[in-house]
Protein backbone atom coordinates (compact mmCIF):
# COMPACT_ATOMS: atom_id res chain seq x y z
CA UNK A 1 0.00 0.00 0.00
CA UNK A 2 1.24 3.48 -0.81
CA UNK A 3 2.84 5.35 2.06
CA UNK A 4 1.31 8.69 1.02
CA UNK A 5 -2.20 9.34 -0.20
CA UNK A 6 -1.11 12.73 -1.54
CA UNK A 7 2.33 12.81 -3.17
CA UNK A 8 4.61 15.56 -1.83
CA UNK A 9 6.94 17.49 -4.11
CA UNK A 10 10.19 15.80 -5.11
CA UNK A 11 13.65 17.24 -4.48
CA UNK A 12 13.80 18.09 -8.19
CA UNK A 13 10.46 19.98 -7.91
CA UNK A 14 11.88 21.99 -5.02
CA UNK A 15 15.11 22.79 -6.89
CA UNK A 16 13.24 23.99 -9.99
CA UNK A 17 10.99 26.28 -7.93
CA UNK A 18 13.95 27.78 -6.06
CA UNK A 19 15.74 28.35 -9.37
CA UNK A 20 12.75 30.24 -10.76
CA UNK A 21 12.59 32.41 -7.61
CA UNK A 22 16.34 32.97 -7.77
CA UNK A 23 17.48 31.60 -4.42
CA UNK A 24 19.66 28.66 -3.48
CA UNK A 25 17.70 27.27 -0.51
CA UNK A 26 14.48 27.63 1.44
CA UNK A 27 16.49 29.22 4.28
CA UNK A 28 17.30 32.11 1.92
CA UNK A 29 13.60 32.99 1.88
CA UNK A 30 13.79 33.90 5.59
CA UNK A 31 16.82 36.24 5.47
CA UNK A 32 14.69 39.25 6.39
CA UNK A 33 13.71 37.66 9.71
CA UNK A 34 16.20 38.48 12.49
CA UNK A 35 18.33 35.52 13.44
CA UNK A 36 17.47 35.72 17.14
CA UNK A 37 13.74 35.22 16.65
CA UNK A 38 13.92 32.40 14.10
CA UNK A 39 12.58 28.98 15.06
CA UNK A 40 15.68 26.77 15.20
CA UNK A 41 14.56 23.50 16.70
CA UNK A 42 12.48 20.57 15.59
CA UNK A 43 8.73 20.70 16.06
CA UNK A 44 7.45 18.69 19.01
CA UNK A 45 5.59 16.27 16.77
CA UNK A 46 5.48 12.51 16.54
CA UNK A 47 7.43 10.94 13.69
CA UNK A 48 5.37 10.60 10.51
CA UNK A 49 3.54 7.30 10.08
CA UNK A 50 2.34 5.41 7.06
CA UNK A 51 -1.33 5.84 6.21
CA UNK A 52 -2.41 2.40 7.53
CA UNK A 53 -0.57 2.97 10.83
CA UNK A 54 -2.05 6.46 11.19
CA UNK A 55 -5.58 5.21 10.50
CA UNK A 56 -5.14 2.50 13.16
CA UNK A 57 -4.00 5.08 15.73
CA UNK A 58 -6.83 7.49 14.98
CA UNK A 59 -9.42 4.71 15.04
CA UNK A 60 -8.11 3.59 18.43
CA UNK A 61 -8.45 7.14 19.78
CA UNK A 62 -11.94 7.54 18.30
CA UNK A 63 -13.09 4.29 19.90
CA UNK A 64 -12.56 5.87 23.34
CA UNK A 65 -15.42 8.30 22.71
CA UNK A 66 -18.88 7.49 24.01
CA UNK A 67 -21.18 7.72 20.99
CA UNK A 68 -24.94 7.59 20.53
CA UNK A 69 -24.70 4.54 18.29
CA UNK A 70 -23.50 2.33 21.15
CA UNK A 71 -24.77 4.34 24.16
CA UNK A 72 -28.33 5.34 25.08
CA UNK A 73 -28.19 9.15 25.25
CA UNK A 74 -30.42 11.30 27.46
CA UNK A 75 -28.33 14.40 26.86
CA UNK A 76 -29.98 17.36 25.14
CA UNK A 77 -29.78 21.05 26.14
CA UNK A 78 -29.46 22.20 22.53
CA UNK A 79 -27.85 19.19 20.81
CA UNK A 80 -30.05 16.14 20.32
CA UNK A 81 -29.87 12.52 19.22
CA UNK A 82 -32.50 12.10 16.51
CA UNK A 83 -33.29 9.74 13.67
CA UNK A 84 -31.45 10.72 10.48
CA UNK A 85 -32.80 9.08 7.31
CA UNK A 86 -30.01 7.23 5.48
CA UNK A 87 -30.75 9.15 2.29
CA UNK A 88 -29.48 12.38 3.91
CA UNK A 89 -25.82 11.34 3.75
CA UNK A 90 -26.24 10.03 0.20
CA UNK A 91 -27.55 13.37 -1.05
CA UNK A 92 -25.15 15.69 0.78
CA UNK A 93 -22.20 13.51 -0.28
CA UNK A 94 -22.80 14.31 -3.94
CA UNK A 95 -19.92 16.44 -5.19
CA UNK A 96 -22.31 19.05 -6.63
CA UNK A 97 -23.36 19.84 -3.08
CA UNK A 98 -20.44 19.20 -0.76
CA UNK A 99 -18.00 21.19 -2.91
CA UNK A 100 -20.48 23.96 -3.74
CA UNK A 101 -19.50 27.54 -3.01
CA UNK A 102 -21.73 30.61 -2.68
CA UNK A 103 -24.14 30.47 -5.65
CA UNK A 104 -23.32 33.91 -7.04
CA UNK A 105 -23.79 32.67 -10.60
CA UNK A 106 -27.38 31.41 -10.74
CA UNK A 107 -27.00 30.03 -14.27
CA UNK A 108 -24.69 27.29 -12.95
CA UNK A 109 -26.08 27.01 -9.41
CA UNK A 110 -29.76 26.15 -9.86
CA UNK A 111 -29.56 22.92 -7.85
CA UNK A 112 -27.92 24.60 -4.86
CA UNK A 113 -30.28 27.57 -5.06
CA UNK A 114 -33.37 25.39 -5.25
CA UNK A 115 -32.20 23.34 -2.26
CA UNK A 116 -31.78 26.53 -0.21
CA UNK A 117 -35.17 27.81 -1.40
CA UNK A 118 -36.78 24.57 -0.23
CA UNK A 119 -35.10 24.97 3.18
CA UNK A 120 -36.45 28.52 3.48
CA UNK A 121 -39.93 27.39 2.51
CA UNK A 122 -40.10 24.52 4.99
CA UNK A 123 -38.76 26.66 7.85
CA UNK A 124 -41.33 29.37 7.07
CA UNK A 125 -44.13 26.77 7.12
CA UNK A 126 -42.94 25.22 10.39
CA UNK A 127 -42.58 28.53 12.20
CA UNK A 128 -45.74 30.10 10.76
CA UNK A 129 -43.75 33.07 9.48
CA UNK A 130 -43.86 34.84 6.12
CA UNK A 131 -40.31 34.02 5.04
CA UNK A 132 -36.99 32.62 6.22
CA UNK A 133 -33.39 33.22 5.17
CA UNK A 134 -30.97 30.71 3.72
CA UNK A 135 -29.61 29.76 7.19
CA UNK A 136 -27.23 31.06 9.85
CA UNK A 137 -24.22 29.59 11.64
CA UNK A 138 -26.28 28.16 14.52
CA UNK A 139 -29.21 28.91 16.80
CA UNK A 140 -27.20 31.12 19.17
CA UNK A 141 -25.91 33.49 16.52
CA UNK A 142 -29.34 33.59 14.88
CA UNK A 143 -30.83 34.71 18.21
CA UNK A 144 -28.20 37.43 18.64
CA UNK A 145 -28.77 38.66 15.08
CA UNK A 146 -32.52 38.81 15.80
CA UNK A 147 -31.87 41.09 18.76
CA UNK A 148 -29.64 43.34 16.65
CA UNK A 149 -32.39 43.56 14.03
CA UNK A 150 -34.95 44.46 16.70
CA UNK A 151 -32.75 47.25 18.01
CA UNK A 152 -32.09 48.64 14.56
CA UNK A 153 -35.74 48.46 13.55
CA UNK A 154 -37.16 50.10 16.67
CA UNK A 155 -34.25 52.54 17.18
CA UNK A 156 -34.14 51.38 20.81
CA UNK A 157 -31.02 50.24 22.65
CA UNK A 158 -32.22 47.71 25.21
CA UNK A 159 -33.12 44.03 24.86
CA UNK A 160 -34.94 41.92 27.43
CA UNK A 161 -34.26 38.18 27.44
CA UNK A 162 -35.92 35.47 29.50
CA UNK A 163 -33.82 33.71 32.12
CA UNK A 164 -35.24 30.49 30.72
CA UNK A 165 -33.38 30.96 27.42
CA UNK A 166 -30.35 28.71 26.92
CA UNK A 167 -27.47 30.34 28.89
CA UNK A 168 -25.06 29.90 25.99
CA UNK A 169 -27.40 31.77 23.64
CA UNK A 170 -27.75 34.53 26.23
CA UNK A 171 -23.96 34.82 26.40
CA UNK A 172 -23.71 35.06 22.61
CA UNK A 173 -26.31 37.83 22.66
CA UNK A 174 -24.38 39.74 25.33
CA UNK A 175 -21.21 39.49 23.25
CA UNK A 176 -22.97 40.88 20.16
CA UNK A 177 -24.66 43.60 22.22
CA UNK A 178 -21.38 44.88 23.66
CA UNK A 179 -20.09 45.87 20.24
CA UNK A 180 -23.38 47.54 19.33
CA UNK A 181 -23.66 49.37 22.68
CA UNK A 182 -26.97 47.63 23.38
CA UNK A 183 -28.03 46.89 26.94
CA UNK A 184 -29.23 43.37 27.74
CA UNK A 185 -31.41 42.69 30.79
CA UNK A 186 -32.26 39.16 31.88
CA UNK A 187 -35.84 38.65 33.11
CA UNK A 188 -35.78 36.07 35.95
CA UNK A 189 -37.08 32.54 35.56
CA UNK A 190 -39.58 31.24 38.13
CA UNK A 191 -40.64 27.59 38.27
CA UNK A 192 -38.99 26.91 34.93
CA UNK A 193 -40.69 29.73 33.00
CA UNK A 194 -40.37 33.47 32.44
CA UNK A 195 -41.42 35.59 35.43
CA UNK A 196 -44.37 37.45 33.89
CA UNK A 197 -44.58 40.03 36.67
CA UNK A 198 -40.89 40.87 36.34
CA UNK A 199 -41.35 41.26 32.59
CA UNK A 200 -44.24 43.68 33.10
CA UNK A 201 -42.09 45.86 35.36
CA UNK A 202 -39.13 45.80 32.97
CA UNK A 203 -41.04 46.82 29.83
CA UNK A 204 -40.58 50.51 28.98
CA UNK A 205 -40.30 52.77 25.96
CA UNK A 206 -36.58 51.99 25.51
CA UNK A 207 -37.12 48.23 25.04
CA UNK A 208 -36.45 47.06 21.47
CA UNK A 209 -37.60 43.51 21.98
CA UNK A 210 -38.09 40.56 24.30
CA UNK A 211 -36.42 37.19 23.64
CA UNK A 212 -38.09 33.97 24.80
CA UNK A 213 -37.38 30.29 24.08
CA UNK A 214 -40.18 27.89 23.08
CA UNK A 215 -39.87 25.23 24.48
CA UNK A 216 -37.40 26.86 26.83
CA UNK A 217 -34.07 25.69 28.24
CA UNK A 218 -35.82 23.72 31.00
CA UNK A 219 -38.11 22.04 28.49
CA UNK A 220 -41.17 24.09 29.49
CA UNK A 221 -43.61 25.56 26.97
CA UNK A 222 -43.84 29.31 27.53
CA UNK A 223 -47.25 31.11 27.33
CA UNK A 224 -46.58 32.93 24.05
CA UNK A 225 -50.09 34.39 23.77
CA UNK A 226 -49.70 36.22 27.09
CA UNK A 227 -46.14 37.29 26.36
CA UNK A 228 -47.05 38.58 22.89
CA UNK A 229 -49.79 40.82 24.28
CA UNK A 230 -47.46 42.39 26.85
CA UNK A 231 -44.60 42.94 24.41
CA UNK A 232 -46.64 44.38 21.56
CA UNK A 233 -48.58 46.69 23.88
CA UNK A 234 -45.15 48.19 24.60
CA UNK A 235 -44.45 48.56 20.83
CA UNK A 236 -41.53 46.17 21.21
CA UNK A 237 -40.77 43.12 19.07
CA UNK A 238 -41.35 39.53 20.17
CA UNK A 239 -38.36 37.32 19.38
CA UNK A 240 -38.82 33.57 19.75
CA UNK A 241 -36.07 30.94 19.73
CA UNK A 242 -37.68 27.61 18.94
CA UNK A 243 -36.92 23.92 18.46
CA UNK A 244 -38.35 23.32 14.96
CA UNK A 245 -39.18 19.67 15.66
CA UNK A 246 -41.48 20.70 18.51
CA UNK A 247 -43.46 22.78 16.02
CA UNK A 248 -44.71 19.54 14.51
CA UNK A 249 -47.07 19.53 17.54
CA UNK A 250 -46.95 22.94 19.20
CA UNK A 251 -48.71 25.99 17.78
CA UNK A 252 -46.10 27.86 15.67
CA UNK A 253 -44.81 31.15 17.11
CA UNK A 254 -45.99 32.93 13.98
CA UNK A 255 -49.60 32.16 14.89
CA UNK A 256 -49.02 33.92 18.23
CA UNK A 257 -47.84 37.05 16.44
CA UNK A 258 -44.06 36.61 16.82
CA UNK A 259 -42.03 39.14 14.84
CA UNK A 260 -38.88 37.02 14.50
CA UNK A 261 -38.47 33.27 14.99
CA UNK A 262 -35.00 31.75 15.14
CA UNK A 263 -33.59 28.39 16.13
CA UNK A 264 -31.36 25.52 15.09
CA UNK A 265 -32.26 22.84 12.55
CA UNK A 266 -29.77 20.35 14.04
CA UNK A 267 -32.80 18.25 14.98
CA UNK A 268 -33.34 17.53 11.27
CA UNK A 269 -30.64 15.46 9.62
CA UNK A 270 -27.57 16.85 11.41
CA UNK A 271 -25.65 14.53 13.79
CA UNK A 272 -24.48 15.71 17.21
CA UNK A 273 -20.81 15.56 16.10
CA UNK A 274 -19.64 16.54 19.61
CA UNK A 275 -21.35 19.92 19.32
CA UNK A 276 -21.21 21.16 15.74
CA UNK A 277 -21.40 22.39 13.11
CA UNK A 278 -25.07 23.26 13.23
CA UNK A 279 -27.50 25.22 11.09
CA UNK A 280 -29.37 28.23 12.41
CA UNK A 281 -32.57 29.53 10.85
CA UNK A 282 -34.05 33.01 10.82
CA UNK A 283 -37.71 33.67 9.97
CA UNK A 284 -39.57 36.99 9.96
CA UNK A 285 -42.75 38.80 8.98
CA UNK A 286 -42.88 40.57 5.63
CA UNK A 287 -42.42 43.99 7.25
CA UNK A 288 -38.91 42.96 8.37
CA UNK A 289 -37.95 41.27 5.10
CA UNK A 290 -35.41 43.89 4.02
CA UNK A 291 -33.61 43.80 7.37
CA UNK A 292 -32.92 40.06 7.51
CA UNK A 293 -29.22 39.16 7.97
CA UNK A 294 -27.49 36.80 5.58
CA UNK A 295 -29.03 35.73 2.31
CA UNK A 296 -32.43 35.10 0.80
CA UNK A 297 -33.02 32.91 -2.25
CA UNK A 298 -35.96 33.94 -4.40
CA UNK A 299 -37.95 32.15 -7.08
CA UNK A 300 -38.27 33.91 -10.43
CA UNK A 301 -38.53 33.20 -14.18
CA UNK A 302 -35.95 33.62 -16.93
CA UNK A 303 -36.47 35.41 -20.26
CA UNK A 304 -38.23 32.31 -21.57
CA UNK A 305 -40.65 32.15 -18.66
CA UNK A 306 -38.93 29.12 -17.14
CA UNK A 307 -38.78 28.89 -13.34
CA UNK A 308 -35.43 29.71 -11.78
CA UNK A 309 -33.80 30.70 -8.50
CA UNK A 310 -31.52 33.61 -7.58
CA UNK A 311 -29.90 35.22 -4.56
CA UNK A 312 -31.90 38.29 -3.62
CA UNK A 313 -32.00 40.98 -0.91
CA UNK A 314 -28.37 40.53 0.10
CA UNK A 315 -28.23 43.46 2.48
CA UNK A 316 -24.82 42.66 3.95
CA UNK A 317 -21.56 44.56 4.00
CA UNK A 318 -20.02 42.42 1.26
CA UNK A 319 -22.53 43.78 -1.24
CA UNK A 320 -23.48 47.25 -0.06
CA UNK A 321 -21.94 50.11 1.90
CA UNK A 322 -20.89 48.94 5.34
CA UNK A 323 -22.96 51.54 7.20
CA UNK A 324 -26.07 50.40 5.32
CA UNK A 325 -25.55 46.67 5.92
CA UNK A 326 -27.95 44.74 8.15
CA UNK A 327 -25.29 42.34 9.38
CA UNK A 328 -21.70 41.22 8.98
CA UNK A 329 -22.78 37.59 8.60
CA UNK A 330 -20.85 36.55 5.49
CA UNK A 331 -21.94 33.00 4.94
CA UNK A 332 -24.60 30.41 5.54
CA UNK A 333 -24.65 26.72 6.39
CA UNK A 334 -25.72 25.53 2.95
CA UNK A 335 -24.61 21.91 3.31
CA UNK A 336 -26.21 21.50 6.73
CA UNK A 337 -29.31 23.34 5.51
CA UNK A 338 -29.45 20.82 2.67
CA UNK A 339 -29.19 17.96 5.20
CA UNK A 340 -32.12 19.43 7.13
CA UNK A 341 -34.11 19.91 3.93
CA UNK A 342 -33.56 16.30 2.86
CA UNK A 343 -34.51 15.05 6.33
CA UNK A 344 -37.70 17.14 6.45
CA UNK A 345 -38.66 16.17 2.90
CA UNK A 346 -38.04 12.49 3.64
CA UNK A 347 -40.10 12.57 6.83
CA UNK A 348 -42.88 14.54 5.17
CA UNK A 349 -45.62 16.28 7.12
CA UNK A 350 -47.01 13.05 8.56
CA UNK A 351 -43.61 11.68 9.50
CA UNK A 352 -42.53 14.92 11.14
CA UNK A 353 -45.66 15.00 13.29
CA UNK A 354 -45.14 11.34 14.22
CA UNK A 355 -41.52 12.03 15.15
CA UNK A 356 -42.56 14.98 17.33
CA UNK A 357 -45.31 12.89 18.94
CA UNK A 358 -42.84 10.16 19.84
CA UNK A 359 -40.63 12.75 21.55
CA UNK A 360 -43.61 14.00 23.54
CA UNK A 361 -44.93 10.55 24.46
CA UNK A 362 -41.59 8.98 25.39
CA UNK A 363 -40.42 11.94 27.47
CA UNK A 364 -43.71 12.03 29.38
CA UNK A 365 -43.44 8.29 29.96
CA UNK A 366 -39.93 8.82 31.34
CA UNK A 367 -41.03 11.68 33.59
CA UNK A 368 -43.85 9.58 35.06
CA UNK A 369 -41.44 6.69 35.54
CA UNK A 370 -39.17 8.95 37.61
CA UNK A 371 -42.13 10.11 39.69
CA UNK A 372 -43.29 6.53 40.26
CA UNK A 373 -39.84 5.69 41.60
CA UNK A 374 -39.86 8.52 44.11
CA UNK A 375 -37.68 11.07 42.32
CA UNK A 376 -38.34 14.80 42.67
CA UNK A 377 -39.36 16.00 39.21
CA UNK A 378 -39.59 19.75 38.77
CA UNK A 379 -42.06 22.02 37.01
CA UNK A 380 -45.28 21.38 35.11
CA UNK A 381 -46.20 18.71 32.59
CA UNK A 382 -46.31 21.36 29.87
CA UNK A 383 -43.07 20.30 28.17
CA UNK A 384 -41.99 18.81 24.84
CA UNK A 385 -39.08 16.38 25.26
CA UNK A 386 -36.99 17.68 28.18
CA UNK A 387 -37.62 17.85 31.91
CA UNK A 388 -35.67 18.38 35.15
CA UNK A 389 -35.01 15.83 37.91
CA UNK A 390 -33.35 16.59 41.26
CA UNK A 391 -30.76 14.06 42.46
CA UNK A 392 -28.81 13.66 45.70
CA UNK A 393 -25.30 13.67 44.22
CA UNK A 394 -23.31 15.96 41.91
CA UNK A 395 -24.45 15.37 38.33
CA UNK A 396 -20.85 15.03 37.11
CA UNK A 397 -20.33 12.03 39.39
CA UNK A 398 -23.67 10.52 38.40
CA UNK A 399 -22.90 10.84 34.69
CA UNK A 400 -19.50 9.19 35.10
CA UNK A 401 -21.20 6.21 36.75
CA UNK A 402 -23.84 6.07 34.01
CA UNK A 403 -21.16 5.86 31.31
CA UNK A 404 -19.97 2.61 32.87
CA UNK A 405 -23.47 1.25 32.21
CA UNK A 406 -23.57 2.38 28.60
CA UNK A 407 -25.73 5.44 29.28
CA UNK A 408 -25.02 9.09 28.48
CA UNK A 409 -26.76 11.02 31.23
CA UNK A 410 -28.51 14.38 31.14
CA UNK A 411 -27.18 17.94 31.36
CA UNK A 412 -25.80 19.32 34.62
CA UNK A 413 -27.94 22.42 35.27
CA UNK A 414 -25.69 23.47 38.15
CA UNK A 415 -23.03 24.32 35.59
CA UNK A 416 -24.77 27.63 34.88
CA UNK A 417 -27.02 28.17 37.89
CA UNK A 418 -26.08 27.30 41.49
CA UNK A 419 -29.73 27.02 42.52
CA UNK A 420 -29.98 24.00 40.23
CA UNK A 421 -26.97 22.22 41.66
CA UNK A 422 -27.58 18.42 41.55
CA UNK A 423 -30.38 18.90 39.01
CA UNK A 424 -30.29 17.01 35.72
CA UNK A 425 -31.95 18.19 32.50
CA UNK A 426 -33.07 15.01 30.75
CA UNK A 427 -33.87 14.76 27.04
CA UNK A 428 -35.88 11.83 25.67
CA UNK A 429 -36.15 11.65 21.89
CA UNK A 430 -37.77 9.20 19.50
CA UNK A 431 -34.50 7.22 19.48
CA UNK A 432 -34.92 5.98 23.04
CA UNK A 433 -36.73 2.71 23.68
CA UNK A 434 -38.91 1.76 26.66
CA UNK A 435 -36.20 -0.64 27.80
CA UNK A 436 -33.54 2.10 27.69
CA UNK A 437 -35.75 4.51 29.64
CA UNK A 438 -36.52 1.89 32.28
CA UNK A 439 -32.82 1.00 32.58
CA UNK A 440 -31.92 4.70 32.93
CA UNK A 441 -34.38 5.21 35.78
CA UNK A 442 -33.20 2.01 37.47
CA UNK A 443 -29.57 3.12 37.20
CA UNK A 444 -30.39 6.33 39.10
CA UNK A 445 -32.23 4.56 41.96
CA UNK A 446 -29.32 5.10 44.34
CA UNK A 447 -29.14 8.89 43.91
CA UNK A 448 -32.77 10.03 44.27
């Protein structure tokens, strides 16, 4: 077997290149760098191996990871183990897609453009919004961009965000807001949901928008109808971060009057991959169409009346004057958006609803199982596929023990909030079986 998959240059190749440049050696290329700061020792790297030996070593390292193929995973908190139709990998592995660049030339990019258009359409339908963009980096950056849009649109410099929004998304928002000189105020969470009374007190004429998660970080379904009324009475915008799979059962935020709906389509066709990459989505009402960050693909006709697709409304700094740009987002997640599109199309409307229903049914079965075994389960039964259980030991220790039994435990809520120390956020998706759920509960018997 060949030692190298990619052939390096030969000594003759190197000599010919140096001759063309007009130097005798590679060292001559660094004469302008002072001698005392040059790197003069060998790199601290292992000796090069043949390809078979390297593959063996990497495979051995990879086998140490706990994966959701061999382990039953109850870990969620933003990254979920879901069914991915086999056809997804087949489609996104086609060279037309996985090597595709930004489709600036529509005449040679119709397949890519149509795929993005389909993604936009399905996201708009799921969220109940008028239109969606061609995707964002992930759910967290999409949420932050939504807040920036709200501030720019309302000419107000303060954003309210629910304490029941994912802490990592809140941190991303705060980072964005610092550069834009926008103030961010967190509305407390009470019993797993937004504190309505605190929100009422915080709303004022300098509030650009209110951000809420649906279902929220603790799995609870927020009362969007009540929140929408309060926010819009203040002439602020309602920004909703949502799990798109849950919208197969829950009333879409758009039907509650949300102005912007963002989220992450990782739940459709994108593996966990130890945390990324993901695919954010960004959906709005028509009135905000020209302020959407990133790209929009539009459907049109050519000079012969034949249907075609083009990039449109690219209001970003790469195309227009920087001070007029809506965002500095320079790319999208086209390949991951394609994966989500293929997954959604393969599931179809009936399959998507069935998948959402299994998440709901199995997670409620698990929650009742915990209650039946004497565990303290927090909050109401108004949740989609995540709930919180209080244990008697540090969650880190519990999860290490669970790994020995082939189980990936839930998320340690104490990591971000001391009041939830020894509380586990448990996710139950359609991938979990009754036997796995029962075994999970039984494994935790000693720490209730």
